[in-house]
């Protein structure tokens, strides 16, 4: 009798423990579900917040371009569309592109030339030899000023720099520094930008 009673109590305890384990398991699942939902919601709200901040930055930079250009915002719709298209098709930051647009516009380029230059510069973000679009933009501005290169010819020049950097022991950023620092003197001596790139790469 005593043995049977002990067995009965043991089974009851086992059942109770099993129920408690299931209860704990159910509670843990609920906690995990809540935590997952919280993380998803938090990521969602962070994304919205970041998107709003980026939109504000974008608008501010467009206002600056309008001020530098001396035109109304509605006249920059074409440039704004270009930035949006490049950002979505190439995966480039629209805020970064519009900053580049401001750098280009400050050099006195027309809206159309600024758009052409931005398209060429945006493509450098896909090339592994170019590391920073702002530095590349400064190189482009220096080359355009010193060697009288048109905005429509900029993509060809950047392609040449990319090819040289990919095939020889020289970085695109180093070529950029050479153009910015020595381009004016080299042009005054009768040289062309391709010759400067070749000479600098040979010395390196």
N, C-alpha and C. Protein backbone atom coordinates (compact mmCIF):
# COMPACT_ATOMS: atom_id res chain seq x y z
N UNK A 1 0.83 -1.20 0.00
CA UNK A 1 0.00 0.00 0.00
C UNK A 1 0.87 1.26 0.00
N UNK A 2 1.86 1.23 0.89
CA UNK A 2 2.76 2.38 1.00
C UNK A 2 3.50 2.60 -0.32
N UNK A 3 3.94 1.51 -0.92
CA UNK A 3 4.67 1.61 -2.20
C UNK A 3 3.78 2.18 -3.29
N UNK A 4 2.53 1.71 -3.32
CA UNK A 4 1.58 2.22 -4.31
C UNK A 4 1.29 3.69 -4.10
N UNK A 5 1.21 4.11 -2.83
CA UNK A 5 0.96 5.51 -2.51
C UNK A 5 2.12 6.38 -2.96
N UNK A 6 3.34 5.89 -2.70
CA UNK A 6 4.55 6.63 -3.14
C UNK A 6 4.57 6.75 -4.66
N UNK A 7 4.22 5.62 -5.32
CA UNK A 7 4.20 5.62 -6.79
C UNK A 7 3.18 6.63 -7.33
N UNK A 8 2.01 6.65 -6.68
CA UNK A 8 0.95 7.57 -7.09
C UNK A 8 1.39 9.02 -6.92
N UNK A 9 2.02 9.31 -5.77
CA UNK A 9 2.52 10.67 -5.51
C UNK A 9 3.62 11.06 -6.49
N UNK A 10 4.47 10.08 -6.79
CA UNK A 10 5.57 10.34 -7.73
C UNK A 10 5.02 10.70 -9.11
N UNK A 11 3.97 9.93 -9.54
CA UNK A 11 3.36 10.20 -10.85
C UNK A 11 2.68 11.57 -10.85
N UNK A 12 2.04 11.89 -9.73
CA UNK A 12 1.39 13.19 -9.61
C UNK A 12 2.41 14.32 -9.69
N UNK A 13 3.54 14.11 -8.99
CA UNK A 13 4.61 15.12 -9.02
C UNK A 13 5.18 15.26 -10.42
N UNK A 14 5.32 14.11 -11.11
CA UNK A 14 5.85 14.12 -12.47
C UNK A 14 4.93 14.89 -13.41
N UNK A 15 3.61 14.64 -13.23
CA UNK A 15 2.61 15.34 -14.05
C UNK A 15 2.65 16.85 -13.77
N UNK A 16 2.76 17.20 -12.49
CA UNK A 16 2.84 18.61 -12.10
C UNK A 16 4.08 19.27 -12.69
N UNK A 17 5.20 18.55 -12.61
CA UNK A 17 6.44 19.10 -13.17
C UNK A 17 6.34 19.28 -14.68
N UNK A 18 5.69 18.29 -15.31
CA UNK A 18 5.50 18.36 -16.75
C UNK A 18 4.64 19.56 -17.12
N UNK A 19 3.57 19.77 -16.34
CA UNK A 19 2.70 20.93 -16.58
C UNK A 19 3.45 22.24 -16.37
N UNK A 20 4.25 22.27 -15.32
CA UNK A 20 5.02 23.48 -15.03
C UNK A 20 6.02 23.75 -16.17
N UNK A 21 6.66 22.67 -16.66
CA UNK A 21 7.59 22.81 -17.78
C UNK A 21 6.91 23.36 -19.01
N UNK A 22 5.70 22.81 -19.27
CA UNK A 22 4.94 23.30 -20.43
C UNK A 22 4.55 24.77 -20.26
N UNK A 23 4.17 25.12 -19.03
CA UNK A 23 3.79 26.51 -18.73
C UNK A 23 4.98 27.44 -18.95
N UNK A 24 6.16 27.00 -18.45
CA UNK A 24 7.37 27.79 -18.65
C UNK A 24 7.69 27.92 -20.14
N UNK A 25 7.54 26.79 -20.86
CA UNK A 25 7.81 26.80 -22.31
C UNK A 25 6.89 27.76 -23.04
N UNK A 26 5.59 27.72 -22.67
CA UNK A 26 4.62 28.61 -23.29
C UNK A 26 4.93 30.07 -22.98
N UNK A 27 5.32 30.33 -21.71
CA UNK A 27 5.67 31.69 -21.31
C UNK A 27 6.90 32.18 -22.08
N UNK A 28 7.89 31.27 -22.24
CA UNK A 28 9.11 31.64 -22.96
C UNK A 28 8.81 31.96 -24.42
N UNK A 29 7.92 31.16 -25.03
CA UNK A 29 7.54 31.41 -26.42
C UNK A 29 6.88 32.78 -26.55
N UNK A 30 6.02 33.11 -25.57
CA UNK A 30 5.35 34.42 -25.60
C UNK A 30 6.35 35.56 -25.47
N UNK A 31 7.33 35.34 -24.57
CA UNK A 31 8.37 36.37 -24.38
C UNK A 31 9.18 36.55 -25.66
N UNK A 32 9.54 35.42 -26.31
CA UNK A 32 10.33 35.49 -27.55
C UNK A 32 9.53 36.16 -28.66
N UNK A 33 8.22 35.81 -28.71
CA UNK A 33 7.37 36.45 -29.72
C UNK A 33 7.30 37.96 -29.49
N UNK A 34 7.12 38.35 -28.26
CA UNK A 34 7.06 39.77 -27.91
C UNK A 34 8.37 40.47 -28.27
N UNK A 35 9.49 39.81 -27.92
CA UNK A 35 10.80 40.40 -28.18
C UNK A 35 11.04 40.56 -29.68
N UNK A 36 10.64 39.53 -30.45
CA UNK A 36 10.80 39.60 -31.90
C UNK A 36 9.96 40.73 -32.47
N UNK A 37 8.71 40.82 -31.99
CA UNK A 37 7.82 41.89 -32.46
C UNK A 37 8.39 43.26 -32.10
N UNK A 38 8.93 43.37 -30.88
CA UNK A 38 9.52 44.64 -30.44
C UNK A 38 10.69 45.03 -31.34
N UNK A 39 11.54 44.03 -31.67
CA UNK A 39 12.71 44.32 -32.50
C UNK A 39 12.30 44.74 -33.91
N UNK A 40 11.31 44.04 -34.47
CA UNK A 40 10.83 44.39 -35.81
C UNK A 40 10.26 45.80 -35.81
N UNK A 41 9.44 46.10 -34.81
CA UNK A 41 8.83 47.43 -34.71
C UNK A 41 9.90 48.50 -34.52
N UNK A 42 10.89 48.19 -33.67
CA UNK A 42 11.97 49.15 -33.41
C UNK A 42 12.77 49.42 -34.68
N UNK A 43 13.08 48.35 -35.43
CA UNK A 43 13.82 48.51 -36.69
C UNK A 43 13.00 49.33 -37.69
N UNK A 44 11.69 49.08 -37.71
CA UNK A 44 10.80 49.80 -38.62
C UNK A 44 10.77 51.29 -38.30
N UNK A 45 10.61 51.61 -37.00
CA UNK A 45 10.57 53.03 -36.60
C UNK A 45 11.92 53.71 -36.83
N UNK A 46 13.03 52.98 -36.60
CA UNK A 46 14.36 53.55 -36.85
C UNK A 46 14.55 53.86 -38.33
N UNK A 47 14.05 52.95 -39.19
CA UNK A 47 14.15 53.15 -40.63
C UNK A 47 13.36 54.39 -41.06
N UNK A 48 12.16 54.52 -40.52
CA UNK A 48 11.33 55.69 -40.85
C UNK A 48 12.02 56.97 -40.38
N UNK A 49 12.56 56.94 -39.17
CA UNK A 49 13.25 58.12 -38.62
C UNK A 49 14.45 58.50 -39.47
N UNK A 50 15.25 57.47 -39.87
CA UNK A 50 16.42 57.73 -40.71
C UNK A 50 16.00 58.27 -42.07
N UNK A 51 14.90 57.72 -42.60
CA UNK A 51 14.41 58.19 -43.89
C UNK A 51 13.98 59.65 -43.85
N UNK A 52 13.33 60.03 -42.76
CA UNK A 52 12.90 61.43 -42.59
C UNK A 52 14.12 62.34 -42.49
N UNK A 53 15.12 61.91 -41.71
CA UNK A 53 16.35 62.71 -41.57
C UNK A 53 17.05 62.87 -42.92
N UNK A 54 17.13 61.77 -43.70
CA UNK A 54 17.76 61.83 -45.02
C UNK A 54 16.98 62.76 -45.95
N UNK A 55 15.65 62.70 -45.87
CA UNK A 55 14.82 63.55 -46.72
C UNK A 55 15.04 65.03 -46.39
N UNK A 56 15.17 65.34 -45.10
CA UNK A 56 15.42 66.72 -44.68
C UNK A 56 16.79 67.19 -45.18
N UNK A 57 17.81 66.33 -45.03
CA UNK A 57 19.16 66.67 -45.52
C UNK A 57 19.13 66.91 -47.03
N UNK A 58 18.43 66.02 -47.73
CA UNK A 58 18.32 66.12 -49.19
C UNK A 58 17.70 67.46 -49.58
N UNK A 59 16.61 67.81 -48.90
CA UNK A 59 15.91 69.07 -49.21
C UNK A 59 16.81 70.27 -48.93
N UNK A 60 17.55 70.22 -47.84
CA UNK A 60 18.46 71.33 -47.50
C UNK A 60 19.52 71.52 -48.57
N UNK A 61 20.11 70.39 -49.03
CA UNK A 61 21.15 70.48 -50.06
C UNK A 61 20.57 71.01 -51.38
N UNK A 62 19.34 70.61 -51.71
CA UNK A 62 18.70 71.12 -52.92
C UNK A 62 18.45 72.62 -52.81
N UNK A 63 18.09 73.07 -51.62
CA UNK A 63 17.90 74.52 -51.39
C UNK A 63 19.23 75.26 -51.60
N UNK A 64 20.32 74.67 -51.10
CA UNK A 64 21.65 75.29 -51.28
C UNK A 64 22.00 75.39 -52.76
N UNK A 65 21.72 74.32 -53.51
CA UNK A 65 21.99 74.34 -54.95
C UNK A 65 21.17 75.43 -55.63
N UNK A 66 19.92 75.56 -55.22
CA UNK A 66 19.06 76.60 -55.78
C UNK A 66 19.62 77.99 -55.48
N UNK A 67 20.13 78.17 -54.26
CA UNK A 67 20.70 79.46 -53.87
C UNK A 67 21.95 79.78 -54.68
N UNK A 68 22.82 78.76 -54.83
CA UNK A 68 24.05 78.96 -55.60
C UNK A 68 23.72 79.24 -57.07
N UNK A 69 22.69 78.54 -57.58
CA UNK A 69 22.32 78.70 -58.99
C UNK A 69 21.56 79.99 -59.26
N UNK A 70 20.91 80.50 -58.20
CA UNK A 70 20.10 81.69 -58.38
C UNK A 70 18.79 81.39 -59.09
N UNK A 71 18.28 80.15 -58.92
CA UNK A 71 17.02 79.77 -59.56
C UNK A 71 16.05 79.28 -58.49
N UNK A 72 14.78 79.16 -58.88
CA UNK A 72 13.76 78.65 -57.97
C UNK A 72 13.86 77.13 -57.87
N UNK A 73 13.35 76.57 -56.77
CA UNK A 73 13.40 75.13 -56.55
C UNK A 73 12.71 74.35 -57.67
N UNK A 74 11.62 74.90 -58.21
CA UNK A 74 10.88 74.17 -59.24
C UNK A 74 11.70 74.00 -60.52
N UNK A 75 12.71 74.87 -60.71
CA UNK A 75 13.57 74.77 -61.89
C UNK A 75 14.61 73.68 -61.73
N UNK A 76 14.73 73.10 -60.54
CA UNK A 76 15.70 72.03 -60.28
C UNK A 76 15.05 70.65 -60.30
N UNK A 77 13.81 70.57 -60.77
CA UNK A 77 13.10 69.28 -60.77
C UNK A 77 13.84 68.24 -61.61
N UNK A 78 14.43 68.67 -62.73
CA UNK A 78 15.18 67.73 -63.59
C UNK A 78 16.38 67.16 -62.86
N UNK A 79 17.10 68.02 -62.14
CA UNK A 79 18.26 67.58 -61.37
C UNK A 79 17.82 66.65 -60.24
N UNK A 80 16.71 66.99 -59.61
CA UNK A 80 16.20 66.16 -58.51
C UNK A 80 15.81 64.77 -59.02
N UNK A 81 15.19 64.72 -60.21
CA UNK A 81 14.84 63.43 -60.81
C UNK A 81 16.08 62.62 -61.13
N UNK A 82 17.13 63.30 -61.61
CA UNK A 82 18.39 62.61 -61.91
C UNK A 82 18.98 61.97 -60.66
N UNK A 83 18.99 62.73 -59.57
CA UNK A 83 19.51 62.21 -58.30
C UNK A 83 18.71 60.99 -57.85
N UNK A 84 17.39 61.10 -57.91
CA UNK A 84 16.52 60.00 -57.48
C UNK A 84 16.74 58.76 -58.34
N UNK A 85 16.82 58.95 -59.66
CA UNK A 85 17.02 57.82 -60.57
C UNK A 85 18.37 57.14 -60.34
N UNK A 86 19.42 57.95 -60.14
CA UNK A 86 20.75 57.39 -59.90
C UNK A 86 20.79 56.64 -58.58
N UNK A 87 20.13 57.20 -57.57
CA UNK A 87 20.12 56.56 -56.25
C UNK A 87 19.43 55.21 -56.29
N UNK A 88 18.32 55.13 -57.02
CA UNK A 88 17.57 53.87 -57.08
C UNK A 88 18.19 52.86 -58.03
N UNK A 89 18.75 53.32 -59.14
CA UNK A 89 19.31 52.38 -60.13
C UNK A 89 20.71 51.89 -59.76
N UNK A 90 21.50 52.74 -59.11
CA UNK A 90 22.88 52.37 -58.77
C UNK A 90 23.07 52.06 -57.29
N UNK A 91 22.05 52.32 -56.49
CA UNK A 91 22.18 52.07 -55.05
C UNK A 91 23.10 53.05 -54.35
N UNK A 92 23.15 54.27 -54.86
CA UNK A 92 24.00 55.32 -54.30
C UNK A 92 23.15 56.22 -53.40
N UNK A 93 23.75 56.75 -52.34
CA UNK A 93 23.03 57.63 -51.42
C UNK A 93 22.60 58.91 -52.14
N UNK A 94 21.30 59.21 -52.07
CA UNK A 94 20.80 60.44 -52.70
C UNK A 94 21.32 61.68 -51.99
N UNK A 95 21.48 61.58 -50.65
CA UNK A 95 22.02 62.71 -49.89
C UNK A 95 23.47 62.97 -50.31
N UNK A 96 24.24 61.90 -50.52
CA UNK A 96 25.62 62.05 -50.98
C UNK A 96 25.70 62.65 -52.37
N UNK A 97 24.79 62.21 -53.25
CA UNK A 97 24.79 62.72 -54.62
C UNK A 97 24.46 64.20 -54.68
N UNK A 98 23.49 64.63 -53.87
CA UNK A 98 23.09 66.03 -53.91
C UNK A 98 24.20 66.92 -53.34
N UNK A 99 25.01 66.39 -52.42
CA UNK A 99 26.18 67.14 -51.93
C UNK A 99 27.19 67.34 -53.06
N UNK A 100 27.37 66.27 -53.86
CA UNK A 100 28.26 66.35 -55.01
C UNK A 100 27.72 67.38 -56.01
N UNK A 101 26.40 67.40 -56.15
CA UNK A 101 25.78 68.39 -57.04
C UNK A 101 26.09 69.81 -56.61
N UNK A 102 26.11 70.03 -55.29
CA UNK A 102 26.44 71.37 -54.77
C UNK A 102 27.89 71.73 -55.08
N UNK A 103 28.80 70.77 -54.89
CA UNK A 103 30.23 71.02 -55.21
C UNK A 103 30.38 71.39 -56.68
N UNK A 104 29.70 70.64 -57.55
CA UNK A 104 29.80 70.88 -58.99
C UNK A 104 29.19 72.23 -59.37
N UNK A 105 28.04 72.54 -58.76
CA UNK A 105 27.34 73.79 -59.11
C UNK A 105 28.14 75.00 -58.66
N UNK A 106 28.90 74.87 -57.57
CA UNK A 106 29.70 75.99 -57.08
C UNK A 106 30.85 76.34 -58.03
N UNK A 107 31.17 75.43 -58.94
CA UNK A 107 32.24 75.70 -59.92
C UNK A 107 31.72 76.49 -61.12
N UNK A 108 30.40 76.74 -61.14
CA UNK A 108 29.84 77.54 -62.23
C UNK A 108 29.24 76.72 -63.36
N UNK A 109 29.12 75.39 -63.16
CA UNK A 109 28.53 74.55 -64.20
C UNK A 109 27.04 74.85 -64.34
N UNK A 110 26.53 74.65 -65.53
CA UNK A 110 25.09 74.80 -65.74
C UNK A 110 24.37 73.62 -65.09
N UNK A 111 23.05 73.71 -64.98
CA UNK A 111 22.27 72.63 -64.39
C UNK A 111 22.45 71.36 -65.21
N UNK A 112 22.45 71.49 -66.53
CA UNK A 112 22.58 70.31 -67.40
C UNK A 112 23.96 69.67 -67.26
N UNK A 113 25.02 70.51 -67.22
CA UNK A 113 26.37 69.98 -67.05
C UNK A 113 26.54 69.35 -65.67
N UNK A 114 25.92 69.94 -64.67
CA UNK A 114 25.95 69.36 -63.32
C UNK A 114 25.32 67.97 -63.32
N UNK A 115 24.21 67.85 -64.04
CA UNK A 115 23.52 66.55 -64.13
C UNK A 115 24.41 65.51 -64.82
N UNK A 116 25.07 65.91 -65.92
CA UNK A 116 25.96 64.99 -66.64
C UNK A 116 27.14 64.54 -65.76
N UNK A 117 27.72 65.52 -65.05
CA UNK A 117 28.85 65.21 -64.18
C UNK A 117 28.43 64.29 -63.03
N UNK A 118 27.24 64.53 -62.48
CA UNK A 118 26.74 63.69 -61.39
C UNK A 118 26.54 62.25 -61.84
N UNK A 119 26.05 62.07 -63.05
CA UNK A 119 25.84 60.73 -63.59
C UNK A 119 27.17 59.99 -63.70
N UNK A 120 28.20 60.70 -64.19
CA UNK A 120 29.53 60.08 -64.33
C UNK A 120 30.11 59.73 -62.96
N UNK A 121 29.97 60.64 -62.00
CA UNK A 121 30.53 60.42 -60.67
C UNK A 121 29.79 59.32 -59.92
N UNK A 122 28.48 59.23 -60.12
CA UNK A 122 27.69 58.20 -59.43
C UNK A 122 28.17 56.80 -59.83
N UNK A 123 28.57 56.64 -61.08
CA UNK A 123 29.02 55.33 -61.56
C UNK A 123 30.34 54.90 -60.91
N UNK A 124 31.13 55.88 -60.44
CA UNK A 124 32.40 55.53 -59.79
C UNK A 124 32.17 54.81 -58.46
N UNK A 125 30.98 54.96 -57.88
CA UNK A 125 30.66 54.28 -56.63
C UNK A 125 30.59 52.76 -56.82
N UNK A 126 30.41 52.32 -58.07
CA UNK A 126 30.35 50.89 -58.37
C UNK A 126 31.72 50.32 -58.69
N UNK A 127 32.70 51.19 -58.90
CA UNK A 127 34.05 50.74 -59.25
C UNK A 127 34.89 50.58 -57.99
N UNK A 128 35.57 49.45 -57.82
CA UNK A 128 36.35 49.22 -56.59
C UNK A 128 37.58 50.11 -56.47
N UNK A 129 38.01 50.73 -57.56
CA UNK A 129 39.23 51.54 -57.51
C UNK A 129 38.99 52.93 -56.91
N UNK A 130 37.74 53.39 -56.95
CA UNK A 130 37.40 54.69 -56.37
C UNK A 130 36.85 54.47 -54.96
N UNK A 131 37.42 55.17 -53.98
CA UNK A 131 37.04 54.91 -52.60
C UNK A 131 36.12 55.95 -51.98
N UNK A 132 36.07 57.15 -52.56
CA UNK A 132 35.29 58.22 -51.95
C UNK A 132 34.77 59.16 -53.03
N UNK A 133 33.45 59.25 -53.14
CA UNK A 133 32.86 60.04 -54.23
C UNK A 133 33.15 61.53 -54.09
N UNK A 134 33.33 62.01 -52.85
CA UNK A 134 33.64 63.43 -52.64
C UNK A 134 35.03 63.74 -53.18
N UNK A 135 36.01 62.89 -52.87
CA UNK A 135 37.37 63.07 -53.41
C UNK A 135 37.36 62.98 -54.93
N UNK A 136 36.58 62.03 -55.46
CA UNK A 136 36.49 61.87 -56.91
C UNK A 136 35.89 63.11 -57.55
N UNK A 137 34.90 63.70 -56.88
CA UNK A 137 34.28 64.92 -57.40
C UNK A 137 35.29 66.08 -57.43
N UNK A 138 36.11 66.18 -56.38
CA UNK A 138 37.14 67.23 -56.34
C UNK A 138 38.16 67.02 -57.46
N UNK A 139 38.52 65.75 -57.71
CA UNK A 139 39.42 65.44 -58.83
C UNK A 139 38.78 65.85 -60.15
N UNK A 140 37.50 65.53 -60.30
CA UNK A 140 36.79 65.87 -61.54
C UNK A 140 36.76 67.37 -61.76
N UNK A 141 36.49 68.12 -60.70
CA UNK A 141 36.44 69.58 -60.81
C UNK A 141 37.81 70.13 -61.21
N UNK A 142 38.87 69.62 -60.57
CA UNK A 142 40.23 70.07 -60.89
C UNK A 142 40.58 69.78 -62.34
N UNK A 143 40.24 68.57 -62.80
CA UNK A 143 40.55 68.19 -64.18
C UNK A 143 39.76 69.04 -65.18
N UNK A 144 38.50 69.31 -64.86
CA UNK A 144 37.68 70.12 -65.77
C UNK A 144 38.19 71.55 -65.87
N UNK A 145 38.63 72.09 -64.74
CA UNK A 145 39.14 73.47 -64.75
C UNK A 145 40.50 73.57 -65.43
N UNK A 146 41.42 72.68 -65.04
CA UNK A 146 42.81 72.80 -65.49
C UNK A 146 43.03 72.34 -66.92
N UNK A 147 42.30 71.30 -67.33
CA UNK A 147 42.49 70.75 -68.68
C UNK A 147 41.33 71.06 -69.61
N UNK A 148 40.43 71.94 -69.16
CA UNK A 148 39.29 72.38 -69.96
C UNK A 148 38.48 71.19 -70.49
N UNK A 149 38.17 70.28 -69.60
CA UNK A 149 37.37 69.10 -69.95
C UNK A 149 35.89 69.43 -69.74
N UNK A 150 35.07 69.08 -70.73
CA UNK A 150 33.64 69.31 -70.64
C UNK A 150 32.99 68.26 -69.74
N UNK A 151 31.81 68.60 -69.21
CA UNK A 151 31.09 67.66 -68.35
C UNK A 151 30.75 66.37 -69.10
N UNK A 152 30.48 66.50 -70.41
CA UNK A 152 30.15 65.32 -71.21
C UNK A 152 31.34 64.40 -71.41
N UNK A 153 32.58 64.90 -71.20
CA UNK A 153 33.79 64.09 -71.36
C UNK A 153 34.28 63.50 -70.03
N UNK A 154 33.61 63.85 -68.95
CA UNK A 154 34.07 63.44 -67.63
C UNK A 154 34.02 61.93 -67.43
N UNK A 155 32.97 61.29 -67.92
CA UNK A 155 32.84 59.84 -67.75
C UNK A 155 34.00 59.11 -68.42
N UNK A 156 34.44 59.60 -69.57
CA UNK A 156 35.57 58.98 -70.29
C UNK A 156 36.84 59.11 -69.46
N UNK A 157 37.07 60.30 -68.88
CA UNK A 157 38.26 60.51 -68.06
C UNK A 157 38.26 59.60 -66.84
N UNK A 158 37.13 59.52 -66.14
CA UNK A 158 37.03 58.67 -64.95
C UNK A 158 37.21 57.20 -65.30
N UNK A 159 36.76 56.82 -66.49
CA UNK A 159 36.95 55.45 -66.97
C UNK A 159 38.42 55.16 -67.20
N UNK A 160 39.16 56.14 -67.72
CA UNK A 160 40.60 55.97 -67.93
C UNK A 160 41.33 55.82 -66.60
N UNK A 161 40.97 56.65 -65.62
CA UNK A 161 41.59 56.55 -64.30
C UNK A 161 41.30 55.19 -63.68
N UNK A 162 40.08 54.73 -63.84
CA UNK A 162 39.68 53.42 -63.31
C UNK A 162 40.49 52.30 -63.95
N UNK A 163 40.68 52.38 -65.25
CA UNK A 163 41.43 51.34 -65.99
C UNK A 163 42.89 51.30 -65.55
N UNK A 164 43.49 52.47 -65.42
CA UNK A 164 44.90 52.54 -65.00
C UNK A 164 45.06 52.01 -63.57
N UNK A 165 44.17 52.45 -62.68
CA UNK A 165 44.24 52.01 -61.28
C UNK A 165 44.02 50.51 -61.13
N UNK A 166 43.21 49.95 -62.03
CA UNK A 166 42.93 48.51 -61.97
C UNK A 166 44.07 47.67 -62.51
N UNK A 167 44.88 48.24 -63.39
CA UNK A 167 45.92 47.45 -64.06
C UNK A 167 47.35 47.73 -63.60
N UNK A 168 47.53 48.80 -62.83
CA UNK A 168 48.88 49.15 -62.37
C UNK A 168 48.87 49.41 -60.87
N UNK A 169 50.06 49.45 -60.29
CA UNK A 169 50.19 49.62 -58.84
C UNK A 169 50.03 51.08 -58.44
N UNK A 170 48.86 51.61 -58.68
CA UNK A 170 48.55 53.00 -58.32
C UNK A 170 47.07 53.08 -57.97
N UNK A 171 46.75 53.92 -57.01
CA UNK A 171 45.35 54.08 -56.59
C UNK A 171 44.71 55.24 -57.34
N UNK A 172 43.41 55.13 -57.55
CA UNK A 172 42.67 56.21 -58.21
C UNK A 172 42.76 57.50 -57.41
N UNK A 173 42.76 57.37 -56.08
CA UNK A 173 42.86 58.56 -55.23
C UNK A 173 44.22 59.23 -55.39
N UNK A 174 45.28 58.44 -55.60
CA UNK A 174 46.62 59.01 -55.81
C UNK A 174 46.67 59.79 -57.13
N UNK A 175 46.05 59.22 -58.16
CA UNK A 175 45.98 59.92 -59.45
C UNK A 175 45.21 61.23 -59.27
N UNK A 176 44.16 61.17 -58.46
CA UNK A 176 43.36 62.37 -58.18
C UNK A 176 44.20 63.45 -57.53
N UNK A 177 45.03 63.07 -56.56
CA UNK A 177 45.90 64.03 -55.88
C UNK A 177 46.88 64.64 -56.89
N UNK A 178 47.42 63.82 -57.78
CA UNK A 178 48.36 64.31 -58.79
C UNK A 178 47.68 65.35 -59.69
N UNK A 179 46.45 65.07 -60.08
CA UNK A 179 45.72 66.00 -60.95
C UNK A 179 45.45 67.31 -60.22
N UNK A 180 45.04 67.21 -58.96
CA UNK A 180 44.71 68.41 -58.18
C UNK A 180 45.94 69.27 -57.91
N UNK A 181 47.07 68.63 -57.63
CA UNK A 181 48.27 69.38 -57.24
C UNK A 181 49.13 69.82 -58.41
N UNK A 182 49.23 68.97 -59.43
CA UNK A 182 50.17 69.25 -60.52
C UNK A 182 49.49 69.54 -61.85
N UNK A 183 48.17 69.39 -61.89
CA UNK A 183 47.47 69.55 -63.16
C UNK A 183 47.67 70.89 -63.83
N UNK A 184 47.57 71.97 -63.05
CA UNK A 184 47.71 73.31 -63.63
C UNK A 184 49.08 73.54 -64.24
N UNK A 185 50.12 73.18 -63.51
CA UNK A 185 51.49 73.35 -64.01
C UNK A 185 51.75 72.47 -65.22
N UNK A 186 51.22 71.23 -65.17
CA UNK A 186 51.42 70.28 -66.26
C UNK A 186 50.76 70.79 -67.54
N UNK A 187 49.54 71.34 -67.40
CA UNK A 187 48.84 71.88 -68.56
C UNK A 187 49.57 73.09 -69.11
N UNK A 188 50.10 73.93 -68.21
CA UNK A 188 50.84 75.12 -68.64
C UNK A 188 52.10 74.73 -69.42
N UNK A 189 52.65 73.55 -69.10
CA UNK A 189 53.84 73.06 -69.80
C UNK A 189 53.49 72.38 -71.11
N UNK A 190 52.20 72.33 -71.43
CA UNK A 190 51.78 71.75 -72.71
C UNK A 190 51.30 70.31 -72.63
N UNK A 191 51.17 69.78 -71.43
CA UNK A 191 50.75 68.39 -71.29
C UNK A 191 49.24 68.22 -71.23
N UNK A 192 48.80 67.00 -71.47
CA UNK A 192 47.39 66.65 -71.37
C UNK A 192 47.17 65.75 -70.16
N UNK A 193 45.93 65.62 -69.73
CA UNK A 193 45.63 64.88 -68.51
C UNK A 193 46.03 63.41 -68.62
N UNK A 194 45.87 62.83 -69.84
CA UNK A 194 46.25 61.42 -70.02
C UNK A 194 47.76 61.25 -69.85
N UNK A 195 48.53 62.23 -70.31
CA UNK A 195 50.00 62.17 -70.16
C UNK A 195 50.39 62.29 -68.69
N UNK A 196 49.67 63.15 -67.95
CA UNK A 196 49.94 63.29 -66.51
C UNK A 196 49.66 61.99 -65.78
N UNK A 197 48.55 61.35 -66.11
CA UNK A 197 48.20 60.07 -65.49
C UNK A 197 49.27 59.02 -65.80
N UNK A 198 49.71 58.96 -67.06
CA UNK A 198 50.71 57.97 -67.47
C UNK A 198 52.05 58.23 -66.79
N UNK A 199 52.47 59.50 -66.75
CA UNK A 199 53.74 59.87 -66.13
C UNK A 199 53.72 59.55 -64.64
N UNK A 200 52.67 59.94 -63.96
CA UNK A 200 52.56 59.70 -62.52
C UNK A 200 52.57 58.20 -62.21
N UNK A 201 51.84 57.42 -63.03
CA UNK A 201 51.79 55.98 -62.82
C UNK A 201 53.14 55.34 -63.05
N UNK A 202 53.88 55.82 -64.04
CA UNK A 202 55.22 55.30 -64.33
C UNK A 202 56.17 55.58 -63.16
N UNK A 203 56.09 56.79 -62.61
CA UNK A 203 56.95 57.15 -61.47
C UNK A 203 56.61 56.29 -60.26
N UNK A 204 55.32 56.06 -60.03
CA UNK A 204 54.89 55.22 -58.91
C UNK A 204 55.42 53.80 -59.07
